[in-house]
C-alpha atoms as a PDB file:
ATOM      1  CA  MET A   1       0.027   0.035   0.024  1.00  0.00           C
ATOM      2  CA  ILE A   2       1.299   3.678  -0.702  1.00  0.00           C
ATOM      3  CA  TYR A   3      -0.531   6.269   1.044  1.00  0.00           C
ATOM      4  CA  THR A   4      -0.054   9.930  -0.078  1.00  0.00           C
ATOM      5  CA  THR A   5      -1.509  13.281   1.448  1.00  0.00           C
ATOM      6  CA  THR A   6      -0.424  16.791   1.310  1.00  0.00           C
ATOM      7  CA  ILE A   7       0.626  18.288   4.662  1.00  0.00           C
ATOM      8  CA  LEU A   8      -0.907  21.671   5.133  1.00  0.00           C
ATOM      9  CA  ASP A   9      -0.749  24.402   7.681  1.00  0.00           C
ATOM     10  CA  THR A  10      -3.571  26.126   9.555  1.00  0.00           C
ATOM     11  CA  ASP A  11      -3.931  28.430   6.413  1.00  0.00           C
ATOM     12  CA  ALA A  12      -4.137  25.437   4.127  1.00  0.00           C
ATOM     13  CA  THR A  13      -0.852  26.123   2.597  1.00  0.00           C
ATOM     14  CA  ALA A  14       1.250  23.171   1.796  1.00  0.00           C
ATOM     15  CA  LEU A  15       4.161  22.716   4.556  1.00  0.00           C
ATOM     16  CA  PRO A  16       7.717  22.614   3.063  1.00  0.00           C
ATOM     17  CA  LEU A  17       9.923  20.053   4.458  1.00  0.00           C
ATOM     18  CA  ALA A  18      11.938  22.832   6.487  1.00  0.00           C
ATOM     19  CA  SER A  19       9.220  23.815   8.433  1.00  0.00           C
ATOM     20  CA  ILE A  20       8.623  20.415   9.958  1.00  0.00           C
ATOM     21  CA  SER A  21      10.545  19.809  13.285  1.00  0.00           C
ATOM     22  CA  THR A  22       9.129  16.346  14.007  1.00  0.00           C
ATOM     23  CA  LEU A  23       6.992  13.978  12.412  1.00  0.00           C
ATOM     24  CA  THR A  24       6.015  10.409  13.833  1.00  0.00           C
ATOM     25  CA  LEU A  25       3.656   7.570  13.088  1.00  0.00           C
ATOM     26  CA  THR A  26       1.971   5.315  15.537  1.00  0.00           C
ATOM     27  CA  LEU A  27      -0.250   2.127  13.810  1.00  0.00           C
ATOM     28  CA  TYR A  28      -2.412   0.425  16.213  1.00  0.00           C
ATOM     29  CA  ASP A  29      -5.344  -1.964  15.674  1.00  0.00           C
ATOM     30  CA  VAL A  30      -8.543  -0.230  16.819  1.00  0.00           C
ATOM     31  CA  LEU A  31     -10.328  -2.896  18.523  1.00  0.00           C
ATOM     32  CA  THR A  32      -7.306  -4.234  20.793  1.00  0.00           C
ATOM     33  CA  GLY A  33      -5.014  -1.193  20.842  1.00  0.00           C
ATOM     34  CA  ASP A  34      -2.216  -3.538  19.871  1.00  0.00           C
ATOM     35  CA  ILE A  35       0.738  -1.748  18.156  1.00  0.00           C
ATOM     36  CA  ILE A  36       1.481  -3.060  14.780  1.00  0.00           C
ATOM     37  CA  ASN A  37       5.044  -3.429  13.556  1.00  0.00           C
ATOM     38  CA  SER A  38       6.450  -1.642  16.454  1.00  0.00           C
ATOM     39  CA  ARG A  39       5.559   1.792  14.975  1.00  0.00           C
ATOM     40  CA  THR A  40       4.675   3.699  17.973  1.00  0.00           C
ATOM     41  CA  LEU A  41       5.700   7.231  17.801  1.00  0.00           C
ATOM     42  CA  GLN A  42       8.392   6.409  15.238  1.00  0.00           C
ATOM     43  CA  ASN A  43      10.378   8.887  13.507  1.00  0.00           C
ATOM     44  CA  VAL A  44       9.265   8.992  10.062  1.00  0.00           C
ATOM     45  CA  LEU A  45      10.614  12.354   8.653  1.00  0.00           C
ATOM     46  CA  ASN A  46      12.166  11.218   5.591  1.00  0.00           C
ATOM     47  CA  THR A  47      13.075   7.729   7.118  1.00  0.00           C
ATOM     48  CA  ASN A  48      11.152   4.349   7.805  1.00  0.00           C
ATOM     49  CA  GLN A  49       9.369   4.398   4.548  1.00  0.00           C
ATOM     50  CA  VAL A  50       7.900   7.864   4.592  1.00  0.00           C
ATOM     51  CA  THR A  51       9.106  10.865   2.742  1.00  0.00           C
ATOM     52  CA  VAL A  52       8.002  14.497   2.695  1.00  0.00           C
ATOM     53  CA  HIS A  53       8.633  16.410  -0.275  1.00  0.00           C
ATOM     54  CA  ALA A  54      10.958  19.535   0.138  1.00  0.00           C
ATOM     55  CA  THR A  55       8.530  22.215  -1.222  1.00  0.00           C
ATOM     56  CA  SER A  56       5.027  20.715  -1.939  1.00  0.00           C
ATOM     57  CA  GLY A  57       4.326  18.933   1.629  1.00  0.00           C
ATOM     58  CA  LEU A  58       3.583  15.815  -0.223  1.00  0.00           C
ATOM     59  CA  LEU A  59       3.826  12.936   2.372  1.00  0.00           C
ATOM     60  CA  THR A  60       4.255   9.330   0.997  1.00  0.00           C
ATOM     61  CA  TRP A  61       4.197   6.392   3.018  1.00  0.00           C
ATOM     62  CA  THR A  62       5.128   3.124   1.396  1.00  0.00           C
ATOM     63  CA  ALA A  63       3.620   0.574   3.804  1.00  0.00           C
ATOM     64  CA  LEU A  64       5.677  -2.673   4.630  1.00  0.00           C
ATOM     65  CA  PRO A  65       3.749  -6.265   4.391  1.00  0.00           C
ATOM     66  CA  ALA A  66       4.238  -6.155   8.320  1.00  0.00           C
ATOM     67  CA  ASP A  67       2.064  -2.746   8.474  1.00  0.00           C
ATOM     68  CA  MET A  68      -0.785  -4.825   7.088  1.00  0.00           C
ATOM     69  CA  ALA A  69      -0.649  -7.764   9.572  1.00  0.00           C
ATOM     70  CA  ILE A  70      -3.592  -9.184  11.061  1.00  0.00           C
ATOM     71  CA  VAL A  71      -3.372  -8.796  14.940  1.00  0.00           C
ATOM     72  CA  GLY A  72      -6.696  -9.883  16.147  1.00  0.00           C
ATOM     73  CA  THR A  73      -8.787 -12.973  15.327  1.00  0.00           C
ATOM     74  CA  PRO A  74     -11.101 -12.051  12.688  1.00  0.00           C
ATOM     75  CA  GLN A  75     -13.087 -14.709  10.560  1.00  0.00           C
ATOM     76  CA  VAL A  76     -12.035 -15.276   6.745  1.00  0.00           C
ATOM     77  CA  GLY A  77     -13.321 -12.464   4.860  1.00  0.00           C
ATOM     78  CA  GLU A  78     -13.731  -9.916   8.169  1.00  0.00           C
ATOM     79  CA  LEU A  79     -12.176  -6.875   8.152  1.00  0.00           C
ATOM     80  CA  GLU A  80      -9.718  -5.524  10.928  1.00  0.00           C
ATOM     81  CA  HIS A  81      -9.733  -1.741  11.645  1.00  0.00           C
ATOM     82  CA  HIS A  82      -6.325   0.065  11.912  1.00  0.00           C
ATOM     83  CA  ILE A  83      -5.334   3.572  12.649  1.00  0.00           C
ATOM     84  CA  ALA A  84      -2.174   4.962  11.334  1.00  0.00           C
ATOM     85  CA  LEU A  85      -1.600   8.271  13.361  1.00  0.00           C
ATOM     86  CA  PHE A  86       0.565  10.877  12.062  1.00  0.00           C
ATOM     87  CA  LYS A  87       2.124  13.567  14.475  1.00  0.00           C
ATOM     88  CA  LEU A  88       3.924  16.550  13.249  1.00  0.00           C
ATOM     89  CA  LEU A  89       5.332  19.542  15.179  1.00  0.00           C
ATOM     90  CA  TYR A  90       6.305  22.498  12.644  1.00  0.00           C
ATOM     91  CA  SER A  91       7.056  26.263  12.860  1.00  0.00           C
ATOM     92  CA  SER A  92       8.593  25.335  16.371  1.00  0.00           C
ATOM     93  CA  THR A  93       5.508  25.413  18.193  1.00  0.00           C
ATOM     94  CA  LYS A  94       2.613  24.003  16.012  1.00  0.00           C
ATOM     95  CA  LYS A  95       0.987  20.801  16.306  1.00  0.00           C
ATOM     96  CA  HIS A  96      -1.129  18.626  13.994  1.00  0.00           C
ATOM     97  CA  LYS A  97      -2.442  14.997  13.881  1.00  0.00           C
ATOM     98  CA  HIS A  98      -3.673  13.378  10.872  1.00  0.00           C
ATOM     99  CA  GLU A  99      -5.313  10.067  11.084  1.00  0.00           C
ATOM    100  CA  VAL A 100      -5.754   7.312   8.355  1.00  0.00           C
ATOM    101  CA  ALA A 101      -8.210   4.635   8.702  1.00  0.00           C
ATOM    102  CA  ILE A 102      -7.072   1.121   7.348  1.00  0.00           C
ATOM    103  CA  PHE A 103      -9.069  -2.048   6.945  1.00  0.00           C
ATOM    104  CA  VAL A 104      -7.283  -5.386   6.759  1.00  0.00           C
ATOM    105  CA  LYS A 105      -9.131  -8.175   5.261  1.00  0.00           C
ATOM    106  CA  GLN A 106      -8.483 -11.627   6.651  1.00  0.00           C
ATOM    107  CA  LEU A 107      -8.002 -13.726   3.519  1.00  0.00           C
ATOM    108  CA  THR A 108      -6.722 -16.773   5.071  1.00  0.00           C
ATOM    109  CA  LYS A 109      -5.902 -18.215   8.337  1.00  0.00           C
ATOM    110  CA  VAL A 110      -2.333 -19.339   8.716  1.00  0.00           C
ATOM    111  CA  PRO A 111      -1.484 -21.836  11.602  1.00  0.00           C
ATOM    112  CA  THR A 112       1.038 -20.331  14.107  1.00  0.00           C
END
């Protein structure tokens, strides 16, 4: 999965990379609260499969297969609801959160 969005400030202007102090990603299962793929407040400012364009504010996350792991016990064909929560600090003091809902379908049961 590749997810893209444009990071905007409060005036709906694209944020250049130079204005962003920190960018983190937390990925979790909504039902259980379990963290997925160790992504808890993980630094993703142009690292860990996330890039931010220098001038356009375009954020691109290239999710890994482990980011789409089933962590609960849905039946075959059922969906599991995950959230990718991006948090950023920009212009030294301004904070922003961006949530992405992800629904992962249980395709097969694999014995553990």
